[in-house]
Amino acid sequence: MTKPRLSAVTWSLSTVVVGVLMAGCSASADTGSSEPKLSSDKLAATVAEKLAATTGQPKPDITCPEDLAGKVGNTTRCKLTASDGSTLGVTVKVSSVDGDNINFDIKADNAPSPAAS
């Protein structure tokens, strides 16, 4: 009986999941506007930076489908995509807002989704 070996990508995603779950990531970003809202691009960049800092891995490819409005409790789902096409969902939840500064928590899903065939 042979044991399947983890690919480097799966190992990398597993490392991200463990790192994020252990660290309980949170981050903040200054929106620079009168209505606190973080663009999807800036949110994705901030989440990628925080995950990289937390896990000690290179910045992952993160996409966020929508802007994040600065209201406590608001959430959005972002997606981490590995080089093999597998993905990992990431939930971003606003924890507090201080003027233009939106503070949020980041939580990765427990397991990656396989690449689409």
N, C-alpha and C. Protein backbone atom coordinates (compact mmCIF):
# COMPACT_ATOMS: atom_id res chain seq x y z
N MET A 1 0.85 -1.18 0.00
CA MET A 1 0.00 0.00 0.00
C MET A 1 0.89 1.23 0.00
N THR A 2 0.66 2.11 -0.96
CA THR A 2 1.48 3.31 -1.03
C THR A 2 0.74 4.48 -0.40
N LYS A 3 1.52 5.39 0.14
CA LYS A 3 0.94 6.60 0.73
C LYS A 3 1.10 7.73 -0.26
N PRO A 4 0.04 8.50 -0.49
CA PRO A 4 0.20 9.64 -1.38
C PRO A 4 1.10 10.69 -0.74
N ARG A 5 1.90 11.34 -1.57
CA ARG A 5 2.79 12.38 -1.06
C ARG A 5 2.13 13.73 -1.30
N LEU A 6 2.30 14.63 -0.35
CA LEU A 6 1.78 15.98 -0.51
C LEU A 6 2.60 16.73 -1.54
N SER A 7 1.94 17.37 -2.45
CA SER A 7 2.67 18.20 -3.40
C SER A 7 3.18 19.43 -2.67
N ALA A 8 4.12 20.12 -3.27
CA ALA A 8 4.66 21.33 -2.66
C ALA A 8 3.56 22.37 -2.47
N VAL A 9 2.63 22.43 -3.42
CA VAL A 9 1.55 23.40 -3.31
C VAL A 9 0.63 23.04 -2.16
N THR A 10 0.24 21.77 -2.06
CA THR A 10 -0.62 21.35 -0.97
C THR A 10 0.08 21.60 0.36
N TRP A 11 1.37 21.31 0.41
CA TRP A 11 2.13 21.56 1.63
C TRP A 11 2.12 23.04 1.96
N SER A 12 2.29 23.87 0.94
CA SER A 12 2.30 25.32 1.13
C SER A 12 0.94 25.79 1.64
N LEU A 13 -0.15 25.32 1.04
CA LEU A 13 -1.48 25.68 1.50
C LEU A 13 -1.71 25.19 2.92
N SER A 14 -1.25 23.98 3.21
CA SER A 14 -1.40 23.46 4.56
C SER A 14 -0.66 24.33 5.56
N THR A 15 0.52 24.79 5.18
CA THR A 15 1.30 25.67 6.05
C THR A 15 0.55 26.97 6.29
N VAL A 16 -0.06 27.52 5.25
CA VAL A 16 -0.83 28.75 5.40
C VAL A 16 -1.99 28.52 6.35
N VAL A 17 -2.73 27.43 6.15
CA VAL A 17 -3.88 27.13 7.00
C VAL A 17 -3.45 27.02 8.45
N VAL A 18 -2.43 26.23 8.73
CA VAL A 18 -1.97 26.05 10.10
C VAL A 18 -1.49 27.37 10.68
N GLY A 19 -0.72 28.13 9.90
CA GLY A 19 -0.22 29.41 10.38
C GLY A 19 -1.32 30.38 10.70
N VAL A 20 -2.32 30.45 9.84
CA VAL A 20 -3.42 31.38 10.05
C VAL A 20 -4.27 30.94 11.23
N LEU A 21 -4.57 29.67 11.31
CA LEU A 21 -5.40 29.20 12.41
C LEU A 21 -4.70 29.36 13.75
N MET A 22 -3.39 29.15 13.77
CA MET A 22 -2.66 29.28 15.03
C MET A 22 -2.50 30.75 15.43
N ALA A 23 -2.35 31.62 14.45
CA ALA A 23 -2.06 33.02 14.77
C ALA A 23 -3.31 33.84 15.01
N GLY A 24 -4.45 33.42 14.50
CA GLY A 24 -5.64 34.22 14.63
C GLY A 24 -5.42 35.61 14.07
N CYS A 25 -5.08 35.67 12.81
CA CYS A 25 -4.67 36.91 12.15
C CYS A 25 -5.67 38.03 12.32
N SER A 26 -5.13 39.20 12.42
CA SER A 26 -5.93 40.40 12.29
C SER A 26 -5.06 41.44 11.61
N ALA A 27 -5.69 42.39 10.98
CA ALA A 27 -4.95 43.42 10.27
C ALA A 27 -5.78 44.69 10.28
N SER A 28 -5.16 45.76 9.81
CA SER A 28 -5.90 47.00 9.67
C SER A 28 -5.39 47.72 8.44
N ALA A 29 -6.22 48.59 7.92
CA ALA A 29 -5.84 49.36 6.76
C ALA A 29 -6.50 50.72 6.82
N ASP A 30 -5.75 51.74 6.42
CA ASP A 30 -6.26 53.10 6.37
C ASP A 30 -6.90 53.31 5.01
N THR A 31 -8.16 53.71 5.01
CA THR A 31 -8.88 53.86 3.75
C THR A 31 -8.66 55.20 3.09
N GLY A 32 -8.33 56.22 3.85
CA GLY A 32 -8.08 57.54 3.29
C GLY A 32 -9.30 58.21 2.71
N SER A 33 -10.49 57.89 3.21
CA SER A 33 -11.70 58.53 2.71
C SER A 33 -12.64 58.86 3.87
N SER A 34 -13.67 59.68 3.58
CA SER A 34 -14.61 60.05 4.64
C SER A 34 -15.52 58.88 5.00
N GLU A 35 -15.85 58.04 4.03
CA GLU A 35 -16.62 56.83 4.30
C GLU A 35 -15.65 55.67 4.35
N PRO A 36 -15.48 55.07 5.52
CA PRO A 36 -14.50 53.98 5.56
C PRO A 36 -14.93 52.80 4.70
N LYS A 37 -14.15 52.55 3.68
CA LYS A 37 -14.36 51.42 2.78
C LYS A 37 -13.00 51.06 2.22
N LEU A 38 -12.72 49.78 2.20
CA LEU A 38 -11.44 49.29 1.71
C LEU A 38 -11.68 48.62 0.36
N SER A 39 -10.97 49.08 -0.68
CA SER A 39 -11.17 48.50 -2.01
C SER A 39 -10.77 47.03 -2.00
N SER A 40 -11.36 46.27 -2.90
CA SER A 40 -11.07 44.84 -2.98
C SER A 40 -9.59 44.59 -3.26
N ASP A 41 -8.97 45.44 -4.10
CA ASP A 41 -7.55 45.26 -4.41
C ASP A 41 -6.66 45.52 -3.19
N LYS A 42 -6.96 46.60 -2.46
CA LYS A 42 -6.16 46.92 -1.27
C LYS A 42 -6.39 45.87 -0.18
N LEU A 43 -7.62 45.39 -0.06
CA LEU A 43 -7.92 44.33 0.90
C LEU A 43 -7.12 43.07 0.57
N ALA A 44 -7.12 42.67 -0.70
CA ALA A 44 -6.38 41.48 -1.12
C ALA A 44 -4.89 41.63 -0.81
N ALA A 45 -4.33 42.80 -1.10
CA ALA A 45 -2.91 43.04 -0.84
C ALA A 45 -2.60 42.99 0.66
N THR A 46 -3.47 43.57 1.47
CA THR A 46 -3.27 43.57 2.92
C THR A 46 -3.38 42.16 3.49
N VAL A 47 -4.37 41.40 3.04
CA VAL A 47 -4.53 40.01 3.50
C VAL A 47 -3.30 39.19 3.10
N ALA A 48 -2.81 39.34 1.87
CA ALA A 48 -1.63 38.60 1.40
C ALA A 48 -0.41 38.93 2.25
N GLU A 49 -0.22 40.22 2.54
CA GLU A 49 0.92 40.64 3.38
C GLU A 49 0.82 40.05 4.77
N LYS A 50 -0.37 40.08 5.36
CA LYS A 50 -0.55 39.56 6.72
C LYS A 50 -0.33 38.05 6.75
N LEU A 51 -0.86 37.33 5.78
CA LEU A 51 -0.66 35.88 5.74
C LEU A 51 0.81 35.53 5.56
N ALA A 52 1.50 36.27 4.71
CA ALA A 52 2.94 36.02 4.50
C ALA A 52 3.71 36.27 5.79
N ALA A 53 3.39 37.35 6.48
CA ALA A 53 4.09 37.66 7.73
C ALA A 53 3.79 36.63 8.82
N THR A 54 2.57 36.15 8.85
CA THR A 54 2.17 35.18 9.87
C THR A 54 2.79 33.81 9.64
N THR A 55 2.87 33.39 8.37
CA THR A 55 3.33 32.03 8.06
C THR A 55 4.82 31.95 7.73
N GLY A 56 5.44 33.10 7.45
CA GLY A 56 6.84 33.07 7.04
C GLY A 56 7.02 32.57 5.61
N GLN A 57 5.94 32.53 4.85
CA GLN A 57 5.95 32.08 3.46
C GLN A 57 5.87 33.31 2.54
N PRO A 58 6.18 33.15 1.25
CA PRO A 58 6.01 34.27 0.31
C PRO A 58 4.53 34.69 0.26
N LYS A 59 4.30 35.92 -0.19
CA LYS A 59 2.92 36.41 -0.29
C LYS A 59 2.11 35.52 -1.22
N PRO A 60 0.96 35.04 -0.75
CA PRO A 60 0.10 34.21 -1.60
C PRO A 60 -0.70 35.06 -2.58
N ASP A 61 -1.24 34.41 -3.60
CA ASP A 61 -2.12 35.06 -4.57
C ASP A 61 -3.52 35.12 -3.96
N ILE A 62 -3.94 36.31 -3.57
CA ILE A 62 -5.24 36.51 -2.93
C ILE A 62 -6.10 37.38 -3.83
N THR A 63 -7.37 37.02 -3.98
CA THR A 63 -8.33 37.87 -4.65
C THR A 63 -9.54 38.04 -3.74
N CYS A 64 -10.08 39.25 -3.74
CA CYS A 64 -11.29 39.55 -2.97
C CYS A 64 -12.31 40.12 -3.95
N PRO A 65 -13.53 39.58 -3.96
CA PRO A 65 -14.51 39.95 -4.97
C PRO A 65 -15.19 41.30 -4.76
N GLU A 66 -15.08 41.85 -3.55
CA GLU A 66 -15.81 43.09 -3.28
C GLU A 66 -15.05 43.95 -2.28
N ASP A 67 -15.42 45.23 -2.26
CA ASP A 67 -14.85 46.15 -1.28
C ASP A 67 -15.36 45.76 0.11
N LEU A 68 -14.63 46.17 1.13
CA LEU A 68 -15.02 45.89 2.51
C LEU A 68 -15.46 47.20 3.16
N ALA A 69 -16.75 47.30 3.47
CA ALA A 69 -17.29 48.49 4.13
C ALA A 69 -16.89 48.47 5.60
N GLY A 70 -16.49 49.64 6.10
CA GLY A 70 -16.01 49.75 7.47
C GLY A 70 -17.11 49.81 8.50
N LYS A 71 -17.81 48.72 8.69
CA LYS A 71 -18.84 48.60 9.71
C LYS A 71 -18.58 47.32 10.49
N VAL A 72 -18.49 47.44 11.80
CA VAL A 72 -18.18 46.28 12.64
C VAL A 72 -19.14 45.14 12.33
N GLY A 73 -18.57 43.96 12.12
CA GLY A 73 -19.35 42.77 11.83
C GLY A 73 -19.45 42.44 10.35
N ASN A 74 -19.17 43.42 9.47
CA ASN A 74 -19.21 43.14 8.03
C ASN A 74 -18.16 42.08 7.68
N THR A 75 -18.52 41.20 6.77
CA THR A 75 -17.58 40.17 6.33
C THR A 75 -17.54 40.10 4.81
N THR A 76 -16.46 39.55 4.31
CA THR A 76 -16.33 39.21 2.90
C THR A 76 -15.47 37.96 2.81
N ARG A 77 -15.58 37.29 1.68
CA ARG A 77 -14.79 36.09 1.43
C ARG A 77 -13.77 36.37 0.35
N CYS A 78 -12.53 36.08 0.64
CA CYS A 78 -11.45 36.19 -0.33
C CYS A 78 -11.00 34.78 -0.68
N LYS A 79 -10.14 34.68 -1.70
CA LYS A 79 -9.69 33.37 -2.15
C LYS A 79 -8.19 33.38 -2.35
N LEU A 80 -7.52 32.41 -1.76
CA LEU A 80 -6.10 32.18 -1.98
C LEU A 80 -6.00 31.11 -3.05
N THR A 81 -5.25 31.39 -4.11
CA THR A 81 -5.08 30.43 -5.21
C THR A 81 -3.62 30.00 -5.30
N ALA A 82 -3.40 28.69 -5.25
CA ALA A 82 -2.05 28.13 -5.36
C ALA A 82 -1.68 27.96 -6.83
N SER A 83 -0.42 27.74 -7.09
CA SER A 83 0.06 27.62 -8.48
C SER A 83 -0.55 26.43 -9.21
N ASP A 84 -1.02 25.41 -8.49
CA ASP A 84 -1.65 24.26 -9.16
C ASP A 84 -3.15 24.47 -9.38
N GLY A 85 -3.67 25.65 -8.98
CA GLY A 85 -5.08 25.94 -9.18
C GLY A 85 -5.95 25.62 -7.99
N SER A 86 -5.41 24.93 -6.98
CA SER A 86 -6.22 24.67 -5.79
C SER A 86 -6.43 25.99 -5.05
N THR A 87 -7.53 26.06 -4.30
CA THR A 87 -7.89 27.30 -3.63
C THR A 87 -8.17 27.08 -2.15
N LEU A 88 -8.09 28.17 -1.43
CA LEU A 88 -8.39 28.16 -0.01
C LEU A 88 -9.21 29.40 0.28
N GLY A 89 -10.39 29.23 0.86
CA GLY A 89 -11.22 30.37 1.20
C GLY A 89 -10.69 31.08 2.43
N VAL A 90 -10.84 32.39 2.44
CA VAL A 90 -10.38 33.22 3.55
C VAL A 90 -11.51 34.19 3.90
N THR A 91 -11.95 34.16 5.16
CA THR A 91 -12.99 35.07 5.62
C THR A 91 -12.34 36.28 6.28
N VAL A 92 -12.82 37.46 5.92
CA VAL A 92 -12.33 38.71 6.49
C VAL A 92 -13.53 39.36 7.18
N LYS A 93 -13.36 39.69 8.48
CA LYS A 93 -14.46 40.26 9.27
C LYS A 93 -13.99 41.53 9.96
N VAL A 94 -14.74 42.61 9.80
CA VAL A 94 -14.40 43.88 10.43
C VAL A 94 -14.59 43.75 11.95
N SER A 95 -13.51 44.03 12.70
CA SER A 95 -13.57 43.93 14.16
C SER A 95 -13.76 45.30 14.82
N SER A 96 -13.24 46.37 14.19
CA SER A 96 -13.45 47.72 14.71
C SER A 96 -13.10 48.73 13.63
N VAL A 97 -13.59 49.94 13.83
CA VAL A 97 -13.30 51.03 12.89
C VAL A 97 -12.92 52.24 13.73
N ASP A 98 -11.79 52.86 13.38
CA ASP A 98 -11.31 54.04 14.08
C ASP A 98 -11.04 55.12 13.03
N GLY A 99 -12.02 55.97 12.80
CA GLY A 99 -11.89 56.98 11.75
C GLY A 99 -11.83 56.30 10.39
N ASP A 100 -10.70 56.51 9.67
CA ASP A 100 -10.51 55.88 8.36
C ASP A 100 -9.87 54.50 8.46
N ASN A 101 -9.51 54.08 9.64
CA ASN A 101 -8.78 52.84 9.84
C ASN A 101 -9.76 51.69 10.12
N ILE A 102 -9.78 50.69 9.23
CA ILE A 102 -10.64 49.52 9.40
C ILE A 102 -9.77 48.38 9.93
N ASN A 103 -10.11 47.86 11.08
CA ASN A 103 -9.42 46.71 11.65
C ASN A 103 -10.24 45.47 11.36
N PHE A 104 -9.56 44.40 10.94
CA PHE A 104 -10.30 43.19 10.58
C PHE A 104 -9.53 41.95 10.96
N ASP A 105 -10.28 40.87 11.15
CA ASP A 105 -9.72 39.55 11.45
C ASP A 105 -9.74 38.72 10.18
N ILE A 106 -8.75 37.84 10.07
CA ILE A 106 -8.61 36.98 8.90
C ILE A 106 -8.63 35.53 9.37
N LYS A 107 -9.48 34.72 8.75
CA LYS A 107 -9.53 33.30 9.11
C LYS A 107 -9.62 32.46 7.83
N ALA A 108 -8.65 31.59 7.66
CA ALA A 108 -8.64 30.70 6.51
C ALA A 108 -9.50 29.47 6.77
N ASP A 109 -10.07 28.91 5.71
CA ASP A 109 -10.82 27.66 5.82
C ASP A 109 -9.89 26.56 6.31
N ASN A 110 -10.46 25.49 6.81
CA ASN A 110 -9.67 24.38 7.34
C ASN A 110 -8.99 23.55 6.27
N ALA A 111 -9.57 23.49 5.07
CA ALA A 111 -8.99 22.64 4.02
C ALA A 111 -9.12 23.33 2.67
N PRO A 112 -8.13 23.13 1.78
CA PRO A 112 -8.19 23.70 0.44
C PRO A 112 -9.18 22.93 -0.45
N SER A 113 -9.66 23.61 -1.48
CA SER A 113 -10.48 22.97 -2.51
C SER A 113 -9.55 22.57 -3.65
N PRO A 114 -9.76 21.40 -4.23
CA PRO A 114 -8.89 20.97 -5.33
C PRO A 114 -9.05 21.85 -6.56
N ALA A 115 -8.07 21.81 -7.41
CA ALA A 115 -8.12 22.57 -8.66
C ALA A 115 -9.24 22.04 -9.53
N ALA A 116 -9.88 22.93 -10.28
CA ALA A 116 -10.93 22.51 -11.21
C ALA A 116 -10.31 21.71 -12.35
N SER A 117 -11.00 20.71 -12.80
CA SER A 117 -10.48 19.87 -13.88
C SER A 117 -10.67 20.51 -15.21
